[in-house]
């Protein structure tokens, strides 16, 4: 995989602000890595980037899942990898930003959620 920047940490520590600055400095685009920000209509308590912040730099994987639908970390991994590839094909740098550790780990450690563990 080509260069990917990760900016991670807990809610309300300034990830959005720094990720916008980094993405703009490096000709990048932001991919949300937050298990709540993916959901439509869940704006309170999720610290989603505002419309104004999103206008400063392209943002992806925000507000795209209906909260009444099932969505797994495997679904996130598939969507994020597709966005990473799409951004890189445009010659830009993906900036993964968020605080959901399992989502981050699914990208860093290439977790396979289709494997099963056999009973021994």
N, C-alpha and C. Protein backbone atom coordinates (compact mmCIF):
# COMPACT_ATOMS: atom_id res chain seq x y z
N UNK A 1 0.85 -1.18 0.00
CA UNK A 1 0.00 0.00 0.00
C UNK A 1 0.89 1.24 0.00
N UNK A 2 0.50 2.23 -0.77
CA UNK A 2 1.22 3.50 -0.81
C UNK A 2 1.01 4.24 0.51
N UNK A 3 1.57 5.43 0.58
CA UNK A 3 1.50 6.24 1.79
C UNK A 3 0.07 6.52 2.23
N UNK A 4 -0.20 6.27 3.50
CA UNK A 4 -1.48 6.59 4.15
C UNK A 4 -1.14 7.20 5.50
N UNK A 5 -1.77 8.31 5.83
CA UNK A 5 -1.55 8.98 7.10
C UNK A 5 -2.70 8.62 8.04
N UNK A 6 -2.38 8.30 9.30
CA UNK A 6 -3.39 8.02 10.32
C UNK A 6 -3.30 9.10 11.40
N UNK A 7 -4.44 9.71 11.72
CA UNK A 7 -4.55 10.66 12.83
C UNK A 7 -5.67 10.12 13.71
N UNK A 8 -5.30 9.57 14.85
CA UNK A 8 -6.28 8.89 15.69
C UNK A 8 -6.20 9.38 17.14
N UNK A 9 -7.28 9.14 17.87
CA UNK A 9 -7.33 9.53 19.27
C UNK A 9 -8.76 9.65 19.72
N UNK A 10 -8.97 10.00 20.99
CA UNK A 10 -10.33 10.11 21.53
C UNK A 10 -11.09 11.31 20.98
N UNK A 11 -12.39 11.32 21.22
CA UNK A 11 -13.26 12.41 20.78
C UNK A 11 -12.83 13.74 21.40
N UNK A 12 -12.92 14.78 20.58
CA UNK A 12 -12.75 16.17 21.03
C UNK A 12 -11.32 16.53 21.44
N UNK A 13 -10.32 15.94 20.77
CA UNK A 13 -8.93 16.32 21.05
C UNK A 13 -8.32 17.13 19.91
N UNK A 14 -9.11 17.41 18.87
CA UNK A 14 -8.62 18.24 17.77
C UNK A 14 -8.21 17.49 16.52
N UNK A 15 -8.65 16.24 16.38
CA UNK A 15 -8.28 15.45 15.20
C UNK A 15 -8.79 16.08 13.91
N UNK A 16 -10.00 16.60 13.92
CA UNK A 16 -10.57 17.18 12.70
C UNK A 16 -9.73 18.35 12.23
N UNK A 17 -9.41 19.27 13.12
CA UNK A 17 -8.63 20.45 12.76
C UNK A 17 -7.27 20.06 12.19
N UNK A 18 -6.55 19.20 12.88
CA UNK A 18 -5.21 18.83 12.42
C UNK A 18 -5.28 18.01 11.14
N UNK A 19 -6.30 17.16 11.01
CA UNK A 19 -6.40 16.34 9.79
C UNK A 19 -6.68 17.21 8.57
N UNK A 20 -7.47 18.26 8.72
CA UNK A 20 -7.72 19.18 7.61
C UNK A 20 -6.42 19.88 7.22
N UNK A 21 -5.67 20.33 8.21
CA UNK A 21 -4.39 21.00 7.93
C UNK A 21 -3.41 20.05 7.24
N UNK A 22 -3.31 18.83 7.73
CA UNK A 22 -2.40 17.84 7.14
C UNK A 22 -2.84 17.50 5.72
N UNK A 23 -4.13 17.23 5.55
CA UNK A 23 -4.64 16.87 4.22
C UNK A 23 -4.39 18.00 3.22
N UNK A 24 -4.64 19.22 3.61
CA UNK A 24 -4.42 20.35 2.70
C UNK A 24 -2.93 20.54 2.40
N UNK A 25 -2.07 20.34 3.39
CA UNK A 25 -0.63 20.50 3.18
C UNK A 25 -0.04 19.42 2.28
N UNK A 26 -0.64 18.22 2.32
CA UNK A 26 -0.09 17.07 1.58
C UNK A 26 -0.91 16.69 0.36
N UNK A 27 -1.83 17.54 -0.06
CA UNK A 27 -2.72 17.23 -1.19
C UNK A 27 -3.48 15.93 -0.88
N UNK A 28 -4.13 15.92 0.26
CA UNK A 28 -4.83 14.72 0.70
C UNK A 28 -6.32 14.89 0.81
N UNK A 29 -6.95 13.78 1.15
CA UNK A 29 -8.38 13.74 1.42
C UNK A 29 -8.60 12.91 2.67
N UNK A 30 -9.60 13.28 3.45
CA UNK A 30 -9.85 12.64 4.74
C UNK A 30 -10.84 11.49 4.59
N UNK A 31 -10.52 10.39 5.25
CA UNK A 31 -11.44 9.25 5.36
C UNK A 31 -11.75 9.10 6.85
N UNK A 32 -13.02 9.23 7.20
CA UNK A 32 -13.41 9.07 8.60
C UNK A 32 -13.21 7.64 9.05
N UNK A 33 -12.71 7.50 10.26
CA UNK A 33 -12.50 6.19 10.87
C UNK A 33 -13.20 6.18 12.23
N UNK A 34 -14.48 6.51 12.18
CA UNK A 34 -15.27 6.64 13.40
C UNK A 34 -16.58 5.87 13.24
N UNK A 35 -16.85 4.99 14.17
CA UNK A 35 -18.01 4.11 14.06
C UNK A 35 -19.34 4.82 14.25
N UNK A 36 -19.34 6.05 14.72
CA UNK A 36 -20.59 6.80 14.85
C UNK A 36 -20.78 7.79 13.70
N UNK A 37 -19.71 8.34 13.19
CA UNK A 37 -19.81 9.34 12.14
C UNK A 37 -20.28 8.76 10.81
N UNK A 38 -20.21 7.45 10.66
CA UNK A 38 -20.69 6.82 9.42
C UNK A 38 -22.20 6.93 9.29
N UNK A 39 -22.89 7.07 10.42
CA UNK A 39 -24.35 7.04 10.41
C UNK A 39 -24.98 8.39 10.11
N UNK A 40 -25.99 8.37 9.27
CA UNK A 40 -26.78 9.56 8.97
C UNK A 40 -27.57 9.95 10.23
N UNK A 41 -27.79 11.23 10.40
CA UNK A 41 -28.64 11.79 11.45
C UNK A 41 -28.06 11.66 12.87
N UNK A 42 -26.87 11.14 13.03
CA UNK A 42 -26.27 11.02 14.37
C UNK A 42 -25.21 12.10 14.53
N UNK A 43 -25.69 13.31 14.71
CA UNK A 43 -24.78 14.45 14.76
C UNK A 43 -24.42 14.86 16.19
N UNK A 44 -25.29 14.60 17.14
CA UNK A 44 -25.03 15.00 18.52
C UNK A 44 -24.13 13.96 19.18
N UNK A 45 -23.04 14.43 19.77
CA UNK A 45 -22.14 13.55 20.50
C UNK A 45 -21.15 12.79 19.64
N UNK A 46 -21.19 12.98 18.33
CA UNK A 46 -20.27 12.24 17.47
C UNK A 46 -19.10 13.10 16.98
N UNK A 47 -19.15 14.39 17.24
CA UNK A 47 -18.09 15.33 16.85
C UNK A 47 -17.77 15.25 15.36
N UNK A 48 -18.81 15.09 14.55
CA UNK A 48 -18.62 15.07 13.09
C UNK A 48 -18.06 16.41 12.63
N UNK A 49 -17.27 16.34 11.57
CA UNK A 49 -16.81 17.57 10.94
C UNK A 49 -18.03 18.34 10.46
N UNK A 50 -18.04 19.62 10.72
CA UNK A 50 -19.16 20.47 10.28
C UNK A 50 -19.14 20.60 8.76
N UNK A 51 -20.22 21.11 8.21
CA UNK A 51 -20.28 21.35 6.77
C UNK A 51 -19.17 22.31 6.35
N UNK A 52 -18.91 23.31 7.18
CA UNK A 52 -17.84 24.27 6.89
C UNK A 52 -16.48 23.59 6.87
N UNK A 53 -16.23 22.71 7.85
CA UNK A 53 -14.96 21.98 7.89
C UNK A 53 -14.84 21.03 6.69
N UNK A 54 -15.93 20.36 6.36
CA UNK A 54 -15.89 19.44 5.23
C UNK A 54 -15.67 20.17 3.91
N UNK A 55 -16.05 21.44 3.84
CA UNK A 55 -15.84 22.23 2.63
C UNK A 55 -14.36 22.61 2.44
N UNK A 56 -13.58 22.54 3.51
CA UNK A 56 -12.16 22.90 3.43
C UNK A 56 -11.30 21.81 2.79
N UNK A 57 -11.82 20.60 2.79
CA UNK A 57 -11.06 19.44 2.31
C UNK A 57 -12.05 18.30 2.07
N UNK A 58 -11.87 17.51 1.02
CA UNK A 58 -12.80 16.39 0.81
C UNK A 58 -12.79 15.41 1.98
N UNK A 59 -13.98 15.02 2.42
CA UNK A 59 -14.17 14.05 3.49
C UNK A 59 -14.96 12.85 2.94
N UNK A 60 -14.63 11.67 3.41
CA UNK A 60 -15.29 10.45 2.96
C UNK A 60 -15.73 9.61 4.15
N UNK A 61 -16.72 8.77 3.92
CA UNK A 61 -17.27 7.82 4.90
C UNK A 61 -17.87 8.53 6.12
N UNK A 62 -18.59 9.60 5.84
CA UNK A 62 -19.35 10.32 6.86
C UNK A 62 -20.80 10.37 6.37
N UNK A 63 -21.74 10.08 7.26
CA UNK A 63 -23.18 10.19 6.94
C UNK A 63 -23.61 9.33 5.75
N UNK A 64 -23.12 8.11 5.65
CA UNK A 64 -23.49 7.30 4.50
C UNK A 64 -24.22 6.01 4.86
N UNK A 65 -24.43 5.74 6.14
CA UNK A 65 -25.11 4.51 6.55
C UNK A 65 -26.41 4.88 7.27
N UNK A 66 -27.50 4.24 6.87
CA UNK A 66 -28.78 4.38 7.56
C UNK A 66 -28.65 3.71 8.92
N UNK A 67 -28.96 4.40 10.02
CA UNK A 67 -28.79 3.81 11.34
C UNK A 67 -29.68 2.59 11.60
N UNK A 68 -30.67 2.36 10.76
CA UNK A 68 -31.53 1.19 10.93
C UNK A 68 -30.98 -0.03 10.19
N UNK A 69 -29.90 0.15 9.46
CA UNK A 69 -29.28 -0.95 8.72
C UNK A 69 -28.08 -1.49 9.49
N UNK A 70 -27.80 -2.76 9.30
CA UNK A 70 -26.61 -3.35 9.90
C UNK A 70 -25.36 -2.89 9.17
N UNK A 71 -24.28 -2.70 9.92
CA UNK A 71 -23.01 -2.30 9.33
C UNK A 71 -21.91 -2.80 10.24
N UNK A 72 -20.98 -3.55 9.69
CA UNK A 72 -19.93 -4.19 10.49
C UNK A 72 -18.57 -3.58 10.23
N UNK A 73 -17.61 -3.96 11.04
CA UNK A 73 -16.23 -3.52 10.82
C UNK A 73 -15.71 -4.06 9.49
N UNK A 74 -16.16 -5.24 9.08
CA UNK A 74 -15.77 -5.78 7.78
C UNK A 74 -16.32 -4.90 6.66
N UNK A 75 -17.54 -4.40 6.81
CA UNK A 75 -18.11 -3.47 5.83
C UNK A 75 -17.28 -2.18 5.77
N UNK A 76 -16.91 -1.69 6.96
CA UNK A 76 -16.09 -0.48 7.02
C UNK A 76 -14.76 -0.69 6.31
N UNK A 77 -14.09 -1.78 6.63
CA UNK A 77 -12.78 -2.07 6.04
C UNK A 77 -12.87 -2.08 4.51
N UNK A 78 -13.88 -2.74 3.99
CA UNK A 78 -14.06 -2.81 2.53
C UNK A 78 -14.27 -1.42 1.93
N UNK A 79 -15.13 -0.61 2.56
CA UNK A 79 -15.40 0.74 2.07
C UNK A 79 -14.16 1.63 2.17
N UNK A 80 -13.45 1.53 3.29
CA UNK A 80 -12.26 2.36 3.49
C UNK A 80 -11.15 2.00 2.52
N UNK A 81 -10.92 0.72 2.31
CA UNK A 81 -9.89 0.31 1.35
C UNK A 81 -10.21 0.78 -0.06
N UNK A 82 -11.48 0.75 -0.42
CA UNK A 82 -11.89 1.24 -1.74
C UNK A 82 -11.64 2.75 -1.85
N UNK A 83 -11.94 3.49 -0.78
CA UNK A 83 -11.70 4.94 -0.79
C UNK A 83 -10.20 5.24 -0.83
N UNK A 84 -9.41 4.49 -0.08
CA UNK A 84 -7.96 4.68 -0.09
C UNK A 84 -7.44 4.52 -1.52
N UNK A 85 -7.84 3.46 -2.18
CA UNK A 85 -7.39 3.21 -3.55
C UNK A 85 -7.86 4.32 -4.50
N UNK A 86 -9.10 4.72 -4.35
CA UNK A 86 -9.66 5.79 -5.20
C UNK A 86 -8.88 7.09 -5.04
N UNK A 87 -8.59 7.46 -3.80
CA UNK A 87 -7.85 8.69 -3.51
C UNK A 87 -6.43 8.59 -4.07
N UNK A 88 -5.77 7.46 -3.86
CA UNK A 88 -4.41 7.29 -4.37
C UNK A 88 -4.37 7.29 -5.89
N UNK A 89 -5.38 6.75 -6.53
CA UNK A 89 -5.41 6.77 -8.00
C UNK A 89 -5.52 8.19 -8.54
N UNK A 90 -6.05 9.10 -7.74
CA UNK A 90 -6.12 10.50 -8.15
C UNK A 90 -4.82 11.24 -7.80
N UNK A 91 -3.83 10.51 -7.26
CA UNK A 91 -2.55 11.12 -6.91
C UNK A 91 -2.57 11.88 -5.61
N UNK A 92 -3.54 11.57 -4.76
CA UNK A 92 -3.66 12.26 -3.47
C UNK A 92 -3.32 11.31 -2.33
N UNK A 93 -3.18 11.88 -1.13
CA UNK A 93 -2.80 11.12 0.06
C UNK A 93 -4.04 10.91 0.95
N UNK A 94 -4.39 9.65 1.25
CA UNK A 94 -5.49 9.41 2.19
C UNK A 94 -5.06 9.74 3.62
N UNK A 95 -5.92 10.48 4.33
CA UNK A 95 -5.67 10.81 5.73
C UNK A 95 -6.81 10.16 6.52
N UNK A 96 -6.49 9.06 7.18
CA UNK A 96 -7.47 8.32 7.98
C UNK A 96 -7.58 9.01 9.33
N UNK A 97 -8.79 9.44 9.70
CA UNK A 97 -8.96 10.23 10.91
C UNK A 97 -10.12 9.70 11.74
N UNK A 98 -9.86 9.41 13.00
CA UNK A 98 -10.94 8.98 13.87
C UNK A 98 -10.47 8.32 15.15
N UNK A 99 -11.44 7.77 15.85
CA UNK A 99 -11.12 7.22 17.15
C UNK A 99 -11.65 5.82 17.40
N UNK A 100 -12.08 5.12 16.36
CA UNK A 100 -12.57 3.76 16.57
C UNK A 100 -11.43 2.79 16.33
N UNK A 101 -10.86 2.31 17.42
CA UNK A 101 -9.68 1.45 17.36
C UNK A 101 -9.83 0.22 16.49
N UNK A 102 -10.98 -0.44 16.56
CA UNK A 102 -11.17 -1.64 15.76
C UNK A 102 -11.17 -1.30 14.27
N UNK A 103 -11.74 -0.17 13.90
CA UNK A 103 -11.70 0.27 12.50
C UNK A 103 -10.26 0.53 12.07
N UNK A 104 -9.51 1.22 12.91
CA UNK A 104 -8.10 1.50 12.61
C UNK A 104 -7.34 0.18 12.47
N UNK A 105 -7.50 -0.71 13.43
CA UNK A 105 -6.79 -1.99 13.39
C UNK A 105 -7.16 -2.81 12.16
N UNK A 106 -8.40 -2.73 11.72
CA UNK A 106 -8.81 -3.50 10.55
C UNK A 106 -8.05 -3.07 9.30
N UNK A 107 -7.60 -1.83 9.28
CA UNK A 107 -6.82 -1.33 8.14
C UNK A 107 -5.33 -1.58 8.31
N UNK A 108 -4.82 -1.35 9.51
CA UNK A 108 -3.38 -1.50 9.76
C UNK A 108 -2.96 -2.96 9.71
N UNK A 109 -3.74 -3.82 10.36
CA UNK A 109 -3.35 -5.22 10.49
C UNK A 109 -4.00 -6.14 9.48
N UNK A 110 -4.70 -5.57 8.51
CA UNK A 110 -5.32 -6.35 7.44
C UNK A 110 -6.12 -7.53 7.98
N UNK A 111 -6.95 -7.27 8.95
CA UNK A 111 -7.77 -8.31 9.57
C UNK A 111 -8.74 -8.91 8.55
N UNK A 112 -8.91 -10.20 8.62
CA UNK A 112 -9.85 -10.91 7.75
C UNK A 112 -11.03 -11.34 8.61
N UNK A 113 -12.16 -10.73 8.38
CA UNK A 113 -13.33 -11.01 9.20
C UNK A 113 -14.18 -12.14 8.63
N UNK A 114 -13.70 -12.76 7.58
CA UNK A 114 -14.42 -13.89 6.99
C UNK A 114 -13.91 -15.23 7.50
N UNK A 115 -12.76 -15.24 8.17
CA UNK A 115 -12.23 -16.48 8.70
C UNK A 115 -13.06 -16.92 9.90
N UNK A 116 -13.15 -18.22 10.10
CA UNK A 116 -13.82 -18.74 11.28
C UNK A 116 -12.82 -19.56 12.09
N UNK A 117 -13.10 -19.65 13.36
CA UNK A 117 -12.25 -20.44 14.25
C UNK A 117 -12.94 -21.78 14.47
N UNK A 118 -12.23 -22.83 14.18
CA UNK A 118 -12.80 -24.16 14.37
C UNK A 118 -12.74 -24.55 15.85
N UNK A 119 -13.78 -25.24 16.29
CA UNK A 119 -13.77 -25.73 17.66
C UNK A 119 -12.74 -26.84 17.79
N UNK A 120 -11.98 -26.80 18.86
CA UNK A 120 -10.95 -27.83 19.06
C UNK A 120 -11.28 -28.69 20.25
